[in-house]
């Protein structure tokens, strides 16, 4: 019998990555207000937010649980971009991002409640944005998809058509790197396959 695996995130994409990898997570939304946390280093900020999410749900899980918190930010130019505040911001971002590239960082915090141990890691993947038209940007923003995600784009939805290529792990861009999670579990002396349902 595998241990309870708790995902401290409301992201359906992260849940689907875990399910596709054979892990059936129990989702507990952390309620952390990401906008209140600031930082100058994108990998460090993503990791801090991931840790806050994981720690926020610890009182709600059992003594034998594995808890995973994740958070993503886009480093574009000299800015760190989380979720946009509304359609106008998403539109202006896309007008700057098109034809350019940025690095999407996802922080991962894995806590083993039984051993009272924690592993904190971040992964980064470079994203090359297509040269999209104003009309395409307007249509994309109208779907609502870019309003709910870091950097105002996804790789596993409508936004996939507007990404020319990525350099790195696609899971990092979607919100959870399975190769990194496997390594983190290894640091806690837990085999990934022991979590398969």
Protein backbone atom coordinates (compact mmCIF):
# COMPACT_ATOMS: atom_id res chain seq x y z
CA UNK A 1 0.00 0.00 0.00
CA UNK A 2 1.52 3.30 -1.06
CA UNK A 3 1.63 6.25 1.30
CA UNK A 4 -0.77 9.21 0.95
CA UNK A 5 0.65 11.66 -1.57
CA UNK A 6 -0.72 15.18 -1.05
CA UNK A 7 -0.54 17.86 -3.72
CA UNK A 8 -0.78 21.31 -2.10
CA UNK A 9 -1.93 23.00 -5.29
CA UNK A 10 -5.19 23.68 -7.07
CA UNK A 11 -3.52 23.28 -10.48
CA UNK A 12 -5.34 20.66 -12.59
CA UNK A 13 -2.22 20.42 -14.79
CA UNK A 14 -0.02 19.34 -11.86
CA UNK A 15 -2.61 16.78 -10.79
CA UNK A 16 -2.75 15.38 -14.32
CA UNK A 17 1.06 15.10 -14.53
CA UNK A 18 1.08 13.04 -11.32
CA UNK A 19 -1.83 10.87 -12.45
CA UNK A 20 -0.18 10.22 -15.82
CA UNK A 21 2.95 9.16 -13.93
CA UNK A 22 1.00 6.63 -11.85
CA UNK A 23 0.48 8.69 -8.69
CA UNK A 24 -3.05 9.43 -7.46
CA UNK A 25 -2.66 12.59 -5.37
CA UNK A 26 -4.93 13.89 -2.66
CA UNK A 27 -5.38 17.57 -3.51
CA UNK A 28 -5.46 20.06 -0.64
CA UNK A 29 -5.42 23.69 -1.76
CA UNK A 30 -2.99 25.70 0.35
CA UNK A 31 -4.66 29.10 0.09
CA UNK A 32 -1.28 30.88 0.03
CA UNK A 33 -1.53 34.40 -1.42
CA UNK A 34 1.33 34.30 -3.94
CA UNK A 35 1.12 38.02 -4.68
CA UNK A 36 2.29 38.90 -1.14
CA UNK A 37 5.65 37.16 -1.58
CA UNK A 38 8.38 39.04 -3.44
CA UNK A 39 11.89 38.16 -4.50
CA UNK A 40 14.64 39.08 -6.93
CA UNK A 41 15.84 35.56 -7.83
CA UNK A 42 13.16 33.67 -9.82
CA UNK A 43 14.28 30.16 -8.83
CA UNK A 44 14.47 31.16 -5.18
CA UNK A 45 11.06 32.86 -5.31
CA UNK A 46 9.42 29.83 -6.94
CA UNK A 47 10.99 27.59 -4.27
CA UNK A 48 9.87 29.86 -1.42
CA UNK A 49 6.29 29.86 -2.71
CA UNK A 50 6.37 26.08 -3.13
CA UNK A 51 7.55 25.68 0.46
CA UNK A 52 4.85 28.01 1.78
CA UNK A 53 2.20 25.98 -0.04
CA UNK A 54 3.48 22.64 1.26
CA UNK A 55 3.81 23.88 4.85
CA UNK A 56 0.34 25.50 4.77
CA UNK A 57 -1.37 22.10 4.54
CA UNK A 58 0.76 20.11 7.03
CA UNK A 59 -1.84 20.37 9.79
CA UNK A 60 -4.39 18.75 7.46
CA UNK A 61 -2.43 15.61 6.59
CA UNK A 62 -1.57 12.43 8.44
CA UNK A 63 1.73 11.44 10.06
CA UNK A 64 2.71 9.20 7.13
CA UNK A 65 2.07 11.57 4.23
CA UNK A 66 4.24 12.93 1.48
CA UNK A 67 3.34 16.54 0.73
CA UNK A 68 4.32 18.32 -2.48
CA UNK A 69 4.02 22.07 -2.97
CA UNK A 70 4.85 23.64 -6.34
CA UNK A 71 4.85 27.14 -7.74
CA UNK A 72 5.94 28.66 -11.03
CA UNK A 73 7.18 32.07 -12.19
CA UNK A 74 8.42 33.34 -15.54
CA UNK A 75 11.68 35.26 -15.72
CA UNK A 76 11.34 37.52 -18.75
CA UNK A 77 13.73 40.36 -19.43
CA UNK A 78 14.46 41.77 -16.00
CA UNK A 79 11.05 40.91 -14.56
CA UNK A 80 9.59 38.02 -12.59
CA UNK A 81 6.06 37.34 -13.81
CA UNK A 82 3.48 35.37 -11.88
CA UNK A 83 -0.21 35.31 -12.79
CA UNK A 84 -1.47 38.46 -14.54
CA UNK A 85 -3.89 40.74 -12.69
CA UNK A 86 -6.33 40.81 -15.60
CA UNK A 87 -6.83 40.66 -19.38
CA UNK A 88 -5.05 43.98 -20.01
CA UNK A 89 -1.89 42.80 -18.27
CA UNK A 90 -1.98 39.43 -20.06
CA UNK A 91 -2.33 41.23 -23.40
CA UNK A 92 0.53 43.65 -22.77
CA UNK A 93 2.76 40.78 -21.61
CA UNK A 94 2.12 38.81 -24.76
CA UNK A 95 2.90 41.82 -26.92
CA UNK A 96 6.30 42.02 -25.21
CA UNK A 97 6.94 38.27 -25.12
CA UNK A 98 6.13 37.44 -28.74
CA UNK A 99 9.22 36.63 -30.77
CA UNK A 100 11.30 36.57 -27.57
CA UNK A 101 12.20 34.01 -24.92
CA UNK A 102 12.06 33.69 -21.15
CA UNK A 103 12.77 31.06 -18.51
CA UNK A 104 9.94 29.40 -16.62
CA UNK A 105 11.00 28.30 -13.13
CA UNK A 106 9.02 25.84 -11.04
CA UNK A 107 9.83 25.40 -7.36
CA UNK A 108 9.17 22.02 -5.74
CA UNK A 109 8.96 21.40 -1.99
CA UNK A 110 8.58 17.78 -0.89
CA UNK A 111 7.94 17.03 2.78
CA UNK A 112 8.01 13.55 4.30
CA UNK A 113 5.89 13.92 7.44
CA UNK A 114 6.90 10.49 8.79
CA UNK A 115 10.62 11.32 8.78
CA UNK A 116 10.13 15.08 9.32
CA UNK A 117 12.37 15.77 6.34
CA UNK A 118 12.09 18.26 3.50
CA UNK A 119 13.69 18.64 0.07
CA UNK A 120 13.47 21.95 -1.80
CA UNK A 121 14.47 22.26 -5.46
CA UNK A 122 13.73 24.40 -8.52
CA UNK A 123 13.97 23.64 -12.21
CA UNK A 124 14.11 26.06 -15.13
CA UNK A 125 13.18 25.66 -18.80
CA UNK A 126 13.72 28.23 -21.53
CA UNK A 127 10.58 29.06 -23.53
CA UNK A 128 10.71 30.58 -27.03
CA UNK A 129 7.51 32.44 -27.87
CA UNK A 130 6.12 32.59 -31.41
CA UNK A 131 5.72 35.83 -33.32
CA UNK A 132 1.95 35.98 -32.78
CA UNK A 133 -0.36 38.66 -34.14
CA UNK A 134 -2.43 41.14 -32.12
CA UNK A 135 -5.52 39.22 -33.26
CA UNK A 136 -4.12 35.93 -31.98
CA UNK A 137 -3.20 37.52 -28.65
CA UNK A 138 -6.71 38.97 -28.27
CA UNK A 139 -8.28 35.60 -29.08
CA UNK A 140 -6.00 33.79 -26.64
CA UNK A 141 -6.64 36.21 -23.79
CA UNK A 142 -10.40 35.92 -24.49
CA UNK A 143 -10.22 32.18 -23.71
CA UNK A 144 -9.33 33.12 -20.12
CA UNK A 145 -6.52 30.55 -20.01
CA UNK A 146 -3.60 33.00 -19.63
CA UNK A 147 -5.30 34.75 -16.69
CA UNK A 148 -4.77 31.81 -14.33
CA UNK A 149 -1.16 30.82 -14.98
CA UNK A 150 2.34 32.13 -14.33
CA UNK A 151 3.69 34.09 -17.28
CA UNK A 152 0.25 34.23 -18.95
CA UNK A 153 0.69 31.07 -21.02
CA UNK A 154 0.43 27.29 -20.91
CA UNK A 155 2.19 24.50 -22.76
CA UNK A 156 -0.67 22.03 -22.32
CA UNK A 157 -3.61 24.07 -23.58
CA UNK A 158 -4.50 26.77 -26.11
CA UNK A 159 -1.12 28.41 -25.50
CA UNK A 160 0.83 25.43 -26.90
CA UNK A 161 0.32 26.77 -30.44
CA UNK A 162 2.12 30.00 -29.52
CA UNK A 163 5.31 28.35 -28.20
CA UNK A 164 7.89 27.76 -30.94
CA UNK A 165 10.09 25.54 -28.80
CA UNK A 166 11.41 24.92 -25.30
CA UNK A 167 14.89 24.04 -24.04
CA UNK A 168 14.46 21.78 -21.02
CA UNK A 169 11.83 19.67 -19.29
CA UNK A 170 8.27 20.35 -20.52
CA UNK A 171 6.93 19.34 -17.10
CA UNK A 172 8.70 22.33 -15.56
CA UNK A 173 6.71 24.62 -17.88
CA UNK A 174 3.43 22.84 -17.15
CA UNK A 175 4.12 23.08 -13.42
CA UNK A 176 5.77 19.90 -12.11
CA UNK A 177 8.99 18.20 -13.20
CA UNK A 178 8.71 14.42 -12.79
CA UNK A 179 12.47 13.80 -13.28
CA UNK A 180 13.17 16.33 -10.52
CA UNK A 181 10.49 14.82 -8.27
CA UNK A 182 12.05 11.37 -8.76
CA UNK A 183 15.43 12.75 -7.66
CA UNK A 184 13.87 14.50 -4.66
CA UNK A 185 12.15 11.28 -3.59
CA UNK A 186 15.52 9.55 -3.92
CA UNK A 187 17.03 12.05 -1.49
CA UNK A 188 14.34 10.98 0.98
CA UNK A 189 15.14 7.32 0.23
CA UNK A 190 11.74 6.75 -1.39
CA UNK A 191 11.37 5.01 -4.75
CA UNK A 192 9.03 6.68 -7.22
CA UNK A 193 7.60 3.31 -8.29
CA UNK A 194 6.53 2.63 -4.70
CA UNK A 195 4.00 5.46 -5.15
CA UNK A 196 2.43 3.99 -8.28
CA UNK A 197 -1.21 3.18 -7.75
